């Protein structure tokens, strides 16, 4: 049975992360949230120079991946919902799959699919 759900997304007010959070709460779940946008802003404040951004970006993504792993190690969720388009290494995704026994799901704008998935679990 799914008890602890981790929602990994960007939670800007109009974004799909906020919509999914609201939908999960309406289903009676209280998911943990890892805000990729907020974590990115903590690590790195983008400059107007695209060359510098392109050089620094892979290092920032690596830091974000390890912050996510430490967050998951701390809270040990039963299921992880990842917003599509996040910069996650494939090795991190493989680790997440093993930690949650395969309960790792990517989402975009299809809330109904997540509702059905939660009912099946």
PDB file of N, CA and C in Angstrom:
ATOM      1  N   UNK A   1       0.830  -1.184   0.000  1.00  0.00           N
ATOM      2  CA  UNK A   1       0.000   0.000   0.000  1.00  0.00           C
ATOM      3  C   UNK A   1       0.876   1.250   0.000  1.00  0.00           C
ATOM      4  N   UNK A   2       0.491   2.222  -0.775  1.00  0.00           N
ATOM      5  CA  UNK A   2       1.246   3.466  -0.885  1.00  0.00           C
ATOM      6  C   UNK A   2       0.890   4.367   0.295  1.00  0.00           C
ATOM      7  N   UNK A   3       1.883   4.685   1.111  1.00  0.00           N
ATOM      8  CA  UNK A   3       1.643   5.572   2.251  1.00  0.00           C
ATOM      9  C   UNK A   3       2.318   6.918   2.074  1.00  0.00           C
ATOM     10  N   UNK A   4       3.616   6.884   1.719  1.00  0.00           N
ATOM     11  CA  UNK A   4       4.357   8.133   1.561  1.00  0.00           C
ATOM     12  C   UNK A   4       4.660   8.366   0.083  1.00  0.00           C
ATOM     13  N   UNK A   5       4.163   9.478  -0.426  1.00  0.00           N
ATOM     14  CA  UNK A   5       4.377   9.845  -1.827  1.00  0.00           C
ATOM     15  C   UNK A   5       5.281  11.071  -1.861  1.00  0.00           C
ATOM     16  N   UNK A   6       6.284  11.012  -2.725  1.00  0.00           N
ATOM     17  CA  UNK A   6       7.148  12.172  -2.948  1.00  0.00           C
ATOM     18  C   UNK A   6       6.816  12.751  -4.310  1.00  0.00           C
ATOM     19  N   UNK A   7       6.531  14.021  -4.331  1.00  0.00           N
ATOM     20  CA  UNK A   7       6.223  14.737  -5.565  1.00  0.00           C
ATOM     21  C   UNK A   7       7.413  15.629  -5.894  1.00  0.00           C
ATOM     22  N   UNK A   8       8.085  15.345  -7.017  1.00  0.00           N
ATOM     23  CA  UNK A   8       9.261  16.106  -7.443  1.00  0.00           C
ATOM     24  C   UNK A   8       8.856  16.921  -8.656  1.00  0.00           C
ATOM     25  N   UNK A   9       8.824  18.237  -8.489  1.00  0.00           N
ATOM     26  CA  UNK A   9       8.334  19.108  -9.556  1.00  0.00           C
ATOM     27  C   UNK A   9       8.748  20.540  -9.278  1.00  0.00           C
ATOM     28  N   UNK A  10       8.287  21.409 -10.134  1.00  0.00           N
ATOM     29  CA  UNK A  10       8.386  22.842  -9.916  1.00  0.00           C
ATOM     30  C   UNK A  10       7.005  23.304  -9.468  1.00  0.00           C
ATOM     31  N   UNK A  11       6.936  24.003  -8.365  1.00  0.00           N
ATOM     32  CA  UNK A  11       5.646  24.347  -7.779  1.00  0.00           C
ATOM     33  C   UNK A  11       5.258  25.805  -7.974  1.00  0.00           C
ATOM     34  N   UNK A  12       5.558  26.357  -9.142  1.00  0.00           N
ATOM     35  CA  UNK A  12       5.065  27.702  -9.417  1.00  0.00           C
ATOM     36  C   UNK A  12       3.535  27.633  -9.479  1.00  0.00           C
ATOM     37  N   UNK A  13       2.846  28.714  -9.127  1.00  0.00           N
ATOM     38  CA  UNK A  13       1.386  28.646  -8.958  1.00  0.00           C
ATOM     39  C   UNK A  13       0.612  28.062 -10.145  1.00  0.00           C
ATOM     40  N   UNK A  14       1.010  28.366 -11.364  1.00  0.00           N
ATOM     41  CA  UNK A  14       0.265  27.876 -12.528  1.00  0.00           C
ATOM     42  C   UNK A  14       0.840  26.574 -13.079  1.00  0.00           C
ATOM     43  N   UNK A  15       1.867  26.034 -12.452  1.00  0.00           N
ATOM     44  CA  UNK A  15       2.551  24.854 -12.973  1.00  0.00           C
ATOM     45  C   UNK A  15       1.849  23.556 -12.628  1.00  0.00           C
ATOM     46  N   UNK A  16       2.242  22.500 -13.342  1.00  0.00           N
ATOM     47  CA  UNK A  16       1.602  21.203 -13.133  1.00  0.00           C
ATOM     48  C   UNK A  16       1.949  20.609 -11.773  1.00  0.00           C
ATOM     49  N   UNK A  17       3.092  20.971 -11.189  1.00  0.00           N
ATOM     50  CA  UNK A  17       3.426  20.477  -9.848  1.00  0.00           C
ATOM     51  C   UNK A  17       2.390  20.897  -8.823  1.00  0.00           C
ATOM     52  N   UNK A  18       1.973  22.148  -8.876  1.00  0.00           N
ATOM     53  CA  UNK A  18       0.952  22.656  -7.951  1.00  0.00           C
ATOM     54  C   UNK A  18      -0.397  21.989  -8.202  1.00  0.00           C
ATOM     55  N   UNK A  19      -0.700  21.749  -9.458  1.00  0.00           N
ATOM     56  CA  UNK A  19      -1.967  21.093  -9.805  1.00  0.00           C
ATOM     57  C   UNK A  19      -1.977  19.662  -9.276  1.00  0.00           C
ATOM     58  N   UNK A  20      -0.870  18.947  -9.445  1.00  0.00           N
ATOM     59  CA  UNK A  20      -0.784  17.580  -8.948  1.00  0.00           C
ATOM     60  C   UNK A  20      -0.842  17.534  -7.422  1.00  0.00           C
ATOM     61  N   UNK A  21      -0.198  18.485  -6.778  1.00  0.00           N
ATOM     62  CA  UNK A  21      -0.233  18.542  -5.319  1.00  0.00           C
ATOM     63  C   UNK A  21      -1.673  18.698  -4.830  1.00  0.00           C
ATOM     64  N   UNK A  22      -2.399  19.589  -5.454  1.00  0.00           N
ATOM     65  CA  UNK A  22      -3.806  19.802  -5.085  1.00  0.00           C
ATOM     66  C   UNK A  22      -4.629  18.533  -5.331  1.00  0.00           C
ATOM     67  N   UNK A  23      -4.412  17.888  -6.475  1.00  0.00           N
ATOM     68  CA  UNK A  23      -5.158  16.676  -6.818  1.00  0.00           C
ATOM     69  C   UNK A  23      -4.853  15.543  -5.837  1.00  0.00           C
ATOM     70  N   UNK A  24      -3.586  15.386  -5.456  1.00  0.00           N
ATOM     71  CA  UNK A  24      -3.223  14.331  -4.503  1.00  0.00           C
ATOM     72  C   UNK A  24      -3.853  14.583  -3.137  1.00  0.00           C
ATOM     73  N   UNK A  25      -3.869  15.842  -2.729  1.00  0.00           N
ATOM     74  CA  UNK A  25      -4.499  16.174  -1.442  1.00  0.00           C
ATOM     75  C   UNK A  25      -6.001  15.917  -1.483  1.00  0.00           C
ATOM     76  N   UNK A  26      -6.625  16.183  -2.627  1.00  0.00           N
ATOM     77  CA  UNK A  26      -8.055  15.911  -2.762  1.00  0.00           C
ATOM     78  C   UNK A  26      -8.334  14.403  -2.703  1.00  0.00           C
ATOM     79  N   UNK A  27      -7.351  13.598  -3.102  1.00  0.00           N
ATOM     80  CA  UNK A  27      -7.485  12.134  -3.043  1.00  0.00           C
ATOM     81  C   UNK A  27      -7.211  11.590  -1.633  1.00  0.00           C
ATOM     82  N   UNK A  28      -6.839  12.488  -0.706  1.00  0.00           N
ATOM     83  CA  UNK A  28      -6.580  12.072   0.663  1.00  0.00           C
ATOM     84  C   UNK A  28      -5.128  11.781   0.971  1.00  0.00           C
ATOM     85  N   UNK A  29      -4.226  12.106   0.064  1.00  0.00           N
ATOM     86  CA  UNK A  29      -2.791  11.900   0.283  1.00  0.00           C
ATOM     87  C   UNK A  29      -2.155  13.201   0.767  1.00  0.00           C
ATOM     88  N   UNK A  30      -1.066  13.076   1.493  1.00  0.00           N
ATOM     89  CA  UNK A  30      -0.306  14.243   1.936  1.00  0.00           C
ATOM     90  C   UNK A  30       1.141  14.060   1.472  1.00  0.00           C
ATOM     91  N   UNK A  31       1.399  14.367   0.195  1.00  0.00           N
ATOM     92  CA  UNK A  31       2.729  14.070  -0.357  1.00  0.00           C
ATOM     93  C   UNK A  31       3.823  14.994   0.178  1.00  0.00           C
ATOM     94  N   UNK A  32       5.030  14.428   0.235  1.00  0.00           N
ATOM     95  CA  UNK A  32       6.211  15.229   0.483  1.00  0.00           C
ATOM     96  C   UNK A  32       6.539  15.940  -0.831  1.00  0.00           C
ATOM     97  N   UNK A  33       7.081  17.126  -0.760  1.00  0.00           N
ATOM     98  CA  UNK A  33       7.380  17.879  -1.982  1.00  0.00           C
ATOM     99  C   UNK A  33       8.854  18.249  -2.050  1.00  0.00           C
ATOM    100  N   UNK A  34       9.432  18.052  -3.217  1.00  0.00           N
ATOM    101  CA  UNK A  34      10.794  18.489  -3.502  1.00  0.00           C
ATOM    102  C   UNK A  34      10.693  19.428  -4.689  1.00  0.00           C
ATOM    103  N   UNK A  35      10.891  20.706  -4.443  1.00  0.00           N
ATOM    104  CA  UNK A  35      10.723  21.734  -5.471  1.00  0.00           C
ATOM    105  C   UNK A  35      12.039  21.935  -6.225  1.00  0.00           C
ATOM    106  N   UNK A  36      12.101  21.392  -7.441  1.00  0.00           N
ATOM    107  CA  UNK A  36      13.330  21.484  -8.241  1.00  0.00           C
ATOM    108  C   UNK A  36      13.698  22.930  -8.564  1.00  0.00           C
ATOM    109  N   UNK A  37      12.702  23.754  -8.838  1.00  0.00           N
ATOM    110  CA  UNK A  37      12.984  25.149  -9.169  1.00  0.00           C
ATOM    111  C   UNK A  37      13.576  25.881  -7.963  1.00  0.00           C
ATOM    112  N   UNK A  38      12.989  25.671  -6.793  1.00  0.00           N
ATOM    113  CA  UNK A  38      13.473  26.307  -5.578  1.00  0.00           C
ATOM    114  C   UNK A  38      14.886  25.830  -5.247  1.00  0.00           C
ATOM    115  N   UNK A  39      15.118  24.528  -5.364  1.00  0.00           N
ATOM    116  CA  UNK A  39      16.454  23.981  -5.093  1.00  0.00           C
ATOM    117  C   UNK A  39      17.473  24.532  -6.086  1.00  0.00           C
ATOM    118  N   UNK A  40      17.067  24.658  -7.348  1.00  0.00           N
ATOM    119  CA  UNK A  40      17.960  25.221  -8.358  1.00  0.00           C
ATOM    120  C   UNK A  40      18.332  26.659  -8.003  1.00  0.00           C
ATOM    121  N   UNK A  41      17.355  27.427  -7.555  1.00  0.00           N
ATOM    122  CA  UNK A  41      17.617  28.822  -7.188  1.00  0.00           C
ATOM    123  C   UNK A  41      18.537  28.925  -5.981  1.00  0.00           C
ATOM    124  N   UNK A  42      18.472  27.947  -5.073  1.00  0.00           N
ATOM    125  CA  UNK A  42      19.366  27.942  -3.911  1.00  0.00           C
ATOM    126  C   UNK A  42      20.810  27.699  -4.332  1.00  0.00           C
ATOM    127  N   UNK A  43      20.983  26.849  -5.348  1.00  0.00           N
ATOM    128  CA  UNK A  43      22.324  26.464  -5.784  1.00  0.00           C
ATOM    129  C   UNK A  43      22.934  27.493  -6.728  1.00  0.00           C
ATOM    130  N   UNK A  44      22.113  28.020  -7.613  1.00  0.00           N
ATOM    131  CA  UNK A  44      22.681  28.841  -8.676  1.00  0.00           C
ATOM    132  C   UNK A  44      21.688  29.889  -9.147  1.00  0.00           C
ATOM    133  N   UNK A  45      22.159  31.106  -9.219  1.00  0.00           N
ATOM    134  CA  UNK A  45      21.363  32.201  -9.746  1.00  0.00           C
ATOM    135  C   UNK A  45      21.862  32.484 -11.163  1.00  0.00           C
ATOM    136  N   UNK A  46      21.073  32.143 -12.150  1.00  0.00           N
ATOM    137  CA  UNK A  46      21.491  32.286 -13.549  1.00  0.00           C
ATOM    138  C   UNK A  46      21.905  33.722 -13.869  1.00  0.00           C
ATOM    139  N   UNK A  47      22.889  33.819 -14.732  1.00  0.00           N
ATOM    140  CA  UNK A  47      23.337  35.127 -15.204  1.00  0.00           C
ATOM    141  C   UNK A  47      22.720  35.388 -16.570  1.00  0.00           C
ATOM    142  N   UNK A  48      22.953  36.560 -17.091  1.00  0.00           N
ATOM    143  CA  UNK A  48      22.462  36.872 -18.438  1.00  0.00           C
ATOM    144  C   UNK A  48      23.411  36.339 -19.515  1.00  0.00           C
ATOM    145  N   UNK A  49      24.559  35.838 -19.090  1.00  0.00           N
ATOM    146  CA  UNK A  49      25.553  35.315 -20.013  1.00  0.00           C
ATOM    147  C   UNK A  49      25.266  33.829 -20.283  1.00  0.00           C
ATOM    148  N   UNK A  50      24.803  33.524 -21.504  1.00  0.00           N
ATOM    149  CA  UNK A  50      24.433  32.150 -21.838  1.00  0.00           C
ATOM    150  C   UNK A  50      25.624  31.201 -21.858  1.00  0.00           C
ATOM    151  N   UNK A  51      26.796  31.698 -22.170  1.00  0.00           N
ATOM    152  CA  UNK A  51      27.986  30.844 -22.192  1.00  0.00           C
ATOM    153  C   UNK A  51      28.305  30.358 -20.781  1.00  0.00           C
ATOM    154  N   UNK A  52      28.276  31.274 -19.821  1.00  0.00           N
ATOM    155  CA  UNK A  52      28.530  30.889 -18.428  1.00  0.00           C
ATOM    156  C   UNK A  52      27.457  29.912 -17.951  1.00  0.00           C
ATOM    157  N   UNK A  53      26.209  30.191 -18.293  1.00  0.00           N
ATOM    158  CA  UNK A  53      25.118  29.301 -17.897  1.00  0.00           C
ATOM    159  C   UNK A  53      25.313  27.896 -18.453  1.00  0.00           C
ATOM    160  N   UNK A  54      25.726  27.797 -19.705  1.00  0.00           N
ATOM    161  CA  UNK A  54      25.909  26.477 -20.319  1.00  0.00           C
ATOM    162  C   UNK A  54      27.078  25.716 -19.689  1.00  0.00           C
ATOM    163  N   UNK A  55      28.075  26.418 -19.204  1.00  0.00           N
ATOM    164  CA  UNK A  55      29.214  25.770 -18.552  1.00  0.00           C
ATOM    165  C   UNK A  55      28.843  25.309 -17.146  1.00  0.00           C
ATOM    166  N   UNK A  56      28.117  26.129 -16.416  1.00  0.00           N
ATOM    167  CA  UNK A  56      27.799  25.855 -15.020  1.00  0.00           C
ATOM    168  C   UNK A  56      26.629  24.878 -14.868  1.00  0.00           C
ATOM    169  N   UNK A  57      25.727  24.856 -15.824  1.00  0.00           N
ATOM    170  CA  UNK A  57      24.495  24.081 -15.721  1.00  0.00           C
ATOM    171  C   UNK A  57      24.695  22.595 -15.392  1.00  0.00           C
ATOM    172  N   UNK A  58      25.631  21.874 -16.034  1.00  0.00           N
ATOM    173  CA  UNK A  58      25.802  20.451 -15.684  1.00  0.00           C
ATOM    174  C   UNK A  58      26.202  20.241 -14.220  1.00  0.00           C
ATOM    175  N   UNK A  59      26.989  21.140 -13.665  1.00  0.00           N
ATOM    176  CA  UNK A  59      27.402  21.022 -12.265  1.00  0.00           C
ATOM    177  C   UNK A  59      26.232  21.285 -11.326  1.00  0.00           C
ATOM    178  N   UNK A  60      25.412  22.250 -11.686  1.00  0.00           N
ATOM    179  CA  UNK A  60      24.220  22.552 -10.898  1.00  0.00           C
ATOM    180  C   UNK A  60      23.277  21.352 -10.915  1.00  0.00           C
ATOM    181  N   UNK A  61      23.087  20.756 -12.086  1.00  0.00           N
ATOM    182  CA  UNK A  61      22.213  19.587 -12.192  1.00  0.00           C
ATOM    183  C   UNK A  61      22.723  18.428 -11.340  1.00  0.00           C
ATOM    184  N   UNK A  62      24.021  18.238 -11.305  1.00  0.00           N
ATOM    185  CA  UNK A  62      24.597  17.169 -10.490  1.00  0.00           C
ATOM    186  C   UNK A  62      24.311  17.414  -9.005  1.00  0.00           C
ATOM    187  N   UNK A  63      24.462  18.657  -8.573  1.00  0.00           N
ATOM    188  CA  UNK A  63      24.169  19.005  -7.174  1.00  0.00           C
ATOM    189  C   UNK A  63      22.693  18.747  -6.864  1.00  0.00           C
ATOM    190  N   UNK A  64      21.806  19.150  -7.780  1.00  0.00           N
ATOM    191  CA  UNK A  64      20.366  18.928  -7.573  1.00  0.00           C
ATOM    192  C   UNK A  64      20.038  17.441  -7.474  1.00  0.00           C
ATOM    193  N   UNK A  65      20.671  16.636  -8.316  1.00  0.00           N
ATOM    194  CA  UNK A  65      20.450  15.184  -8.283  1.00  0.00           C
ATOM    195  C   UNK A  65      20.836  14.620  -6.920  1.00  0.00           C
ATOM    196  N   UNK A  66      21.970  15.044  -6.384  1.00  0.00           N
ATOM    197  CA  UNK A  66      22.404  14.515  -5.095  1.00  0.00           C
ATOM    198  C   UNK A  66      21.559  15.053  -3.941  1.00  0.00           C
ATOM    199  N   UNK A  67      21.065  16.273  -4.056  1.00  0.00           N
ATOM    200  CA  UNK A  67      20.141  16.785  -3.038  1.00  0.00           C
ATOM    201  C   UNK A  67      18.852  15.971  -3.029  1.00  0.00           C
ATOM    202  N   UNK A  68      18.379  15.617  -4.213  1.00  0.00           N
ATOM    203  CA  UNK A  68      17.168  14.802  -4.318  1.00  0.00           C
ATOM    204  C   UNK A  68      17.394  13.434  -3.684  1.00  0.00           C
ATOM    205  N   UNK A  69      18.515  12.805  -3.975  1.00  0.00           N
ATOM    206  CA  UNK A  69      18.824  11.490  -3.401  1.00  0.00           C
ATOM    207  C   UNK A  69      18.898  11.572  -1.878  1.00  0.00           C
ATOM    208  N   UNK A  70      19.532  12.596  -1.332  1.00  0.00           N
ATOM    209  CA  UNK A  70      19.615  12.700   0.126  1.00  0.00           C
ATOM    210  C   UNK A  70      18.236  12.949   0.738  1.00  0.00           C
ATOM    211  N   UNK A  71      17.383  13.698   0.046  1.00  0.00           N
ATOM    212  CA  UNK A  71      16.013  13.930   0.504  1.00  0.00           C
ATOM    213  C   UNK A  71      15.249  12.610   0.536  1.00  0.00           C
ATOM    214  N   UNK A  72      15.419  11.809  -0.502  1.00  0.00           N
ATOM    215  CA  UNK A  72      14.749  10.510  -0.587  1.00  0.00           C
ATOM    216  C   UNK A  72      15.280   9.552   0.482  1.00  0.00           C
ATOM    217  N   UNK A  73      16.596   9.549   0.698  1.00  0.00           N
ATOM    218  CA  UNK A  73      17.175   8.698   1.738  1.00  0.00           C
ATOM    219  C   UNK A  73      16.622   9.060   3.121  1.00  0.00           C
ATOM    220  N   UNK A  74      16.380  10.338   3.339  1.00  0.00           N
ATOM    221  CA  UNK A  74      15.886  10.813   4.630  1.00  0.00           C
ATOM    222  C   UNK A  74      14.424  10.423   4.862  1.00  0.00           C
ATOM    223  N   UNK A  75      13.577  10.554   3.842  1.00  0.00           N
ATOM    224  CA  UNK A  75      12.146  10.358   4.029  1.00  0.00           C
ATOM    225  C   UNK A  75      11.616   8.999   3.557  1.00  0.00           C
ATOM    226  N   UNK A  76      12.379   8.264   2.766  1.00  0.00           N
ATOM    227  CA  UNK A  76      12.030   6.920   2.297  1.00  0.00           C
ATOM    228  C   UNK A  76      10.584   6.814   1.795  1.00  0.00           C
ATOM    229  N   UNK A  77      10.261   7.487   0.685  1.00  0.00           N
ATOM    230  CA  UNK A  77       8.885   7.416   0.165  1.00  0.00           C
ATOM    231  C   UNK A  77       8.587   6.056  -0.467  1.00  0.00           C
ATOM    232  N   UNK A  78       7.292   5.710  -0.489  1.00  0.00           N
ATOM    233  CA  UNK A  78       6.843   4.472  -1.120  1.00  0.00           C
ATOM    234  C   UNK A  78       6.682   4.649  -2.626  1.00  0.00           C
ATOM    235  N   UNK A  79       6.396   5.865  -3.042  1.00  0.00           N
ATOM    236  CA  UNK A  79       6.198   6.172  -4.466  1.00  0.00           C
ATOM    237  C   UNK A  79       6.792   7.551  -4.747  1.00  0.00           C
ATOM    238  N   UNK A  80       7.368   7.673  -5.939  1.00  0.00           N
ATOM    239  CA  UNK A  80       7.914   8.968  -6.366  1.00  0.00           C
ATOM    240  C   UNK A  80       7.247   9.355  -7.673  1.00  0.00           C
ATOM    241  N   UNK A  81       6.710  10.558  -7.705  1.00  0.00           N
ATOM    242  CA  UNK A  81       6.148  11.128  -8.931  1.00  0.00           C
ATOM    243  C   UNK A  81       7.087  12.227  -9.392  1.00  0.00           C
ATOM    244  N   UNK A  82       7.631  12.061 -10.593  1.00  0.00           N
ATOM    245  CA  UNK A  82       8.584  13.022 -11.149  1.00  0.00           C
ATOM    246  C   UNK A  82       7.957  13.783 -12.310  1.00  0.00           C
ATOM    247  N   UNK A  83       8.070  15.078 -12.281  1.00  0.00           N
ATOM    248  CA  UNK A  83       7.589  15.883 -13.399  1.00  0.00           C
ATOM    249  C   UNK A  83       8.502  15.674 -14.593  1.00  0.00           C
ATOM    250  N   UNK A  84       7.918  15.471 -15.758  1.00  0.00           N
ATOM    251  CA  UNK A  84       8.724  15.306 -16.973  1.00  0.00           C
ATOM    252  C   UNK A  84       9.529  16.572 -17.229  1.00  0.00           C
ATOM    253  N   UNK A  85      10.710  16.383 -17.789  1.00  0.00           N
ATOM    254  CA  UNK A  85      11.540  17.518 -18.169  1.00  0.00           C
ATOM    255  C   UNK A  85      12.549  17.942 -17.122  1.00  0.00           C
ATOM    256  N   UNK A  86      12.609  17.239 -15.985  1.00  0.00           N
ATOM    257  CA  UNK A  86      13.601  17.565 -14.971  1.00  0.00           C
ATOM    258  C   UNK A  86      14.951  17.019 -15.407  1.00  0.00           C
ATOM    259  N   UNK A  87      15.992  17.668 -14.998  1.00  0.00           N
ATOM    260  CA  UNK A  87      17.347  17.253 -15.381  1.00  0.00           C
ATOM    261  C   UNK A  87      17.871  16.224 -14.387  1.00  0.00           C
ATOM    262  N   UNK A  88      17.503  14.970 -14.617  1.00  0.00           N
ATOM    263  CA  UNK A  88      17.951  13.891 -13.743  1.00  0.00           C
ATOM    264  C   UNK A  88      18.862  12.945 -14.512  1.00  0.00           C
ATOM    265  N   UNK A  89      19.965  12.546 -13.880  1.00  0.00           N
ATOM    266  CA  UNK A  89      20.873  11.574 -14.483  1.00  0.00           C
ATOM    267  C   UNK A  89      20.183  10.215 -14.540  1.00  0.00           C
ATOM    268  N   UNK A  90      20.517   9.416 -15.544  1.00  0.00           N
ATOM    269  CA  UNK A  90      19.930   8.078 -15.651  1.00  0.00           C
ATOM    270  C   UNK A  90      20.340   7.198 -14.469  1.00  0.00           C
ATOM    271  N   UNK A  91      21.542   7.406 -13.939  1.00  0.00           N
ATOM    272  CA  UNK A  91      21.966   6.627 -12.771  1.00  0.00           C
ATOM    273  C   UNK A  91      21.100   6.966 -11.556  1.00  0.00           C
ATOM    274  N   UNK A  92      20.697   8.211 -11.444  1.00  0.00           N
ATOM    275  CA  UNK A  92      19.825   8.639 -10.345  1.00  0.00           C
ATOM    276  C   UNK A  92      18.444   7.988 -10.506  1.00  0.00           C
ATOM    277  N   UNK A  93      17.943   7.976 -11.733  1.00  0.00           N
ATOM    278  CA  UNK A  93      16.630   7.368 -11.994  1.00  0.00           C
ATOM    279  C   UNK A  93      16.670   5.874 -11.660  1.00  0.00           C
ATOM    280  N   UNK A  94      17.751   5.188 -12.037  1.00  0.00           N
ATOM    281  CA  UNK A  94      17.885   3.771 -11.705  1.00  0.00           C
ATOM    282  C   UNK A  94      17.900   3.562 -10.188  1.00  0.00           C
ATOM    283  N   UNK A  95      18.603   4.427  -9.475  1.00  0.00           N
ATOM    284  CA  UNK A  95      18.659   4.328  -8.013  1.00  0.00           C
ATOM    285  C   UNK A  95      17.271   4.554  -7.413  1.00  0.00           C
ATOM    286  N   UNK A  96      16.534   5.518  -7.956  1.00  0.00           N
ATOM    287  CA  UNK A  96      15.190   5.799  -7.456  1.00  0.00           C
ATOM    288  C   UNK A  96      14.271   4.601  -7.672  1.00  0.00           C
ATOM    289  N   UNK A  97      14.402   3.935  -8.818  1.00  0.00           N
ATOM    290  CA  UNK A  97      13.580   2.751  -9.101  1.00  0.00           C
ATOM    291  C   UNK A  97      13.822   1.657  -8.072  1.00  0.00           C
ATOM    292  N   UNK A  98      15.081   1.420  -7.738  1.00  0.00           N
ATOM    293  CA  UNK A  98      15.379   0.362  -6.778  1.00  0.00           C
ATOM    294  C   UNK A  98      14.924   0.748  -5.376  1.00  0.00           C
ATOM    295  N   UNK A  99      15.038   2.012  -5.017  1.00  0.00           N
ATOM    296  CA  UNK A  99      14.634   2.445  -3.673  1.00  0.00           C
ATOM    297  C   UNK A  99      13.129   2.353  -3.466  1.00  0.00           C
ATOM    298  N   UNK A 100      12.360   2.507  -4.518  1.00  0.00           N
ATOM    299  CA  UNK A 100      10.902   2.496  -4.371  1.00  0.00           C
ATOM    300  C   UNK A 100      10.290   1.213  -4.931  1.00  0.00           C
ATOM    301  N   UNK A 101      11.093   0.192  -5.160  1.00  0.00           N
ATOM    302  CA  UNK A 101      10.627  -1.077  -5.727  1.00  0.00           C
ATOM    303  C   UNK A 101       9.785  -0.861  -6.991  1.00  0.00           C
ATOM    304  N   UNK A 102      10.216   0.054  -7.838  1.00  0.00           N
ATOM    305  CA  UNK A 102       9.541   0.279  -9.115  1.00  0.00           C
ATOM    306  C   UNK A 102       8.413   1.282  -9.090  1.00  0.00           C
ATOM    307  N   UNK A 103       8.097   1.839  -7.926  1.00  0.00           N
ATOM    308  CA  UNK A 103       7.018   2.835  -7.842  1.00  0.00           C
ATOM    309  C   UNK A 103       7.560   4.226  -8.156  1.00  0.00           C
ATOM    310  N   UNK A 104       8.041   4.364  -9.368  1.00  0.00           N
ATOM    311  CA  UNK A 104       8.587   5.628  -9.858  1.00  0.00           C
ATOM    312  C   UNK A 104       7.816   5.976 -11.118  1.00  0.00           C
ATOM    313  N   UNK A 105       7.182   7.125 -11.124  1.00  0.00           N
ATOM    314  CA  UNK A 105       6.323   7.499 -12.240  1.00  0.00           C
ATOM    315  C   UNK A 105       6.614   8.922 -12.689  1.00  0.00           C
ATOM    316  N   UNK A 106       6.604   9.099 -13.994  1.00  0.00           N
ATOM    317  CA  UNK A 106       6.771  10.431 -14.575  1.00  0.00           C
ATOM    318  C   UNK A 106       5.401  10.973 -14.934  1.00  0.00           C
ATOM    319  N   UNK A 107       5.228  12.270 -14.790  1.00  0.00           N
ATOM    320  CA  UNK A 107       3.942  12.859 -15.129  1.00  0.00           C
ATOM    321  C   UNK A 107       4.121  14.142 -15.905  1.00  0.00           C
ATOM    322  N   UNK A 108       3.050  14.513 -16.585  1.00  0.00           N
ATOM    323  CA  UNK A 108       3.011  15.798 -17.266  1.00  0.00           C
ATOM    324  C   UNK A 108       1.693  16.462 -16.916  1.00  0.00           C
ATOM    325  N   UNK A 109       0.803  16.590 -17.851  1.00  0.00           N
ATOM    326  CA  UNK A 109      -0.438  17.314 -17.583  1.00  0.00           C
ATOM    327  C   UNK A 109      -1.660  16.414 -17.517  1.00  0.00           C
ATOM    328  N   UNK A 110      -1.472  15.107 -17.325  1.00  0.00           N
ATOM    329  CA  UNK A 110      -2.591  14.180 -17.324  1.00  0.00           C
ATOM    330  C   UNK A 110      -2.922  13.745 -15.898  1.00  0.00           C
ATOM    331  N   UNK A 111      -3.679  14.551 -15.202  1.00  0.00           N
ATOM    332  CA  UNK A 111      -4.027  14.287 -13.806  1.00  0.00           C
ATOM    333  C   UNK A 111      -4.846  13.001 -13.681  1.00  0.00           C
ATOM    334  N   UNK A 112      -5.713  12.749 -14.629  1.00  0.00           N
ATOM    335  CA  UNK A 112      -6.572  11.561 -14.566  1.00  0.00           C
ATOM    336  C   UNK A 112      -5.725  10.290 -14.518  1.00  0.00           C
ATOM    337  N   UNK A 113      -4.622  10.266 -15.246  1.00  0.00           N
ATOM    338  CA  UNK A 113      -3.748   9.091 -15.248  1.00  0.00           C
ATOM    339  C   UNK A 113      -3.180   8.836 -13.852  1.00  0.00           C
ATOM    340  N   UNK A 114      -2.819   9.876 -13.136  1.00  0.00           N
ATOM    341  CA  UNK A 114      -2.278   9.708 -11.780  1.00  0.00           C
ATOM    342  C   UNK A 114      -3.377   9.227 -10.834  1.00  0.00           C
ATOM    343  N   UNK A 115      -4.573   9.780 -10.957  1.00  0.00           N
ATOM    344  CA  UNK A 115      -5.690   9.329 -10.107  1.00  0.00           C
ATOM    345  C   UNK A 115      -5.938   7.840 -10.301  1.00  0.00           C
ATOM    346  N   UNK A 116      -5.947   7.385 -11.561  1.00  0.00           N
ATOM    347  CA  UNK A 116      -6.166   5.968 -11.849  1.00  0.00           C
ATOM    348  C   UNK A 116      -5.023   5.115 -11.287  1.00  0.00           C
ATOM    349  N   UNK A 117      -3.793   5.604 -11.406  1.00  0.00           N
ATOM    350  CA  UNK A 117      -2.643   4.876 -10.918  1.00  0.00           C
ATOM    351  C   UNK A 117      -2.725   4.719  -9.387  1.00  0.00           C
ATOM    352  N   UNK A 118      -3.141   5.765  -8.674  1.00  0.00           N
ATOM    353  CA  UNK A 118      -3.249   5.692  -7.226  1.00  0.00           C
ATOM    354  C   UNK A 118      -4.359   4.743  -6.797  1.00  0.00           C
ATOM    355  N   UNK A 119      -5.434   4.680  -7.559  1.00  0.00           N
ATOM    356  CA  UNK A 119      -6.527   3.768  -7.231  1.00  0.00           C
ATOM    357  C   UNK A 119      -6.114   2.314  -7.431  1.00  0.00           C
ATOM    358  N   UNK A 120      -5.270   2.054  -8.434  1.00  0.00           N
ATOM    359  CA  UNK A 120      -4.802   0.689  -8.713  1.00  0.00           C
ATOM    360  C   UNK A 120      -3.877   0.207  -7.615  1.00  0.00           C
ATOM    361  N   UNK A 121      -3.043   1.096  -7.095  1.00  0.00           N
ATOM    362  CA  UNK A 121      -2.079   0.723  -6.052  1.00  0.00           C
ATOM    363  C   UNK A 121      -2.838   0.301  -4.845  1.00  0.00           C
TER     364      UNK A 121
END
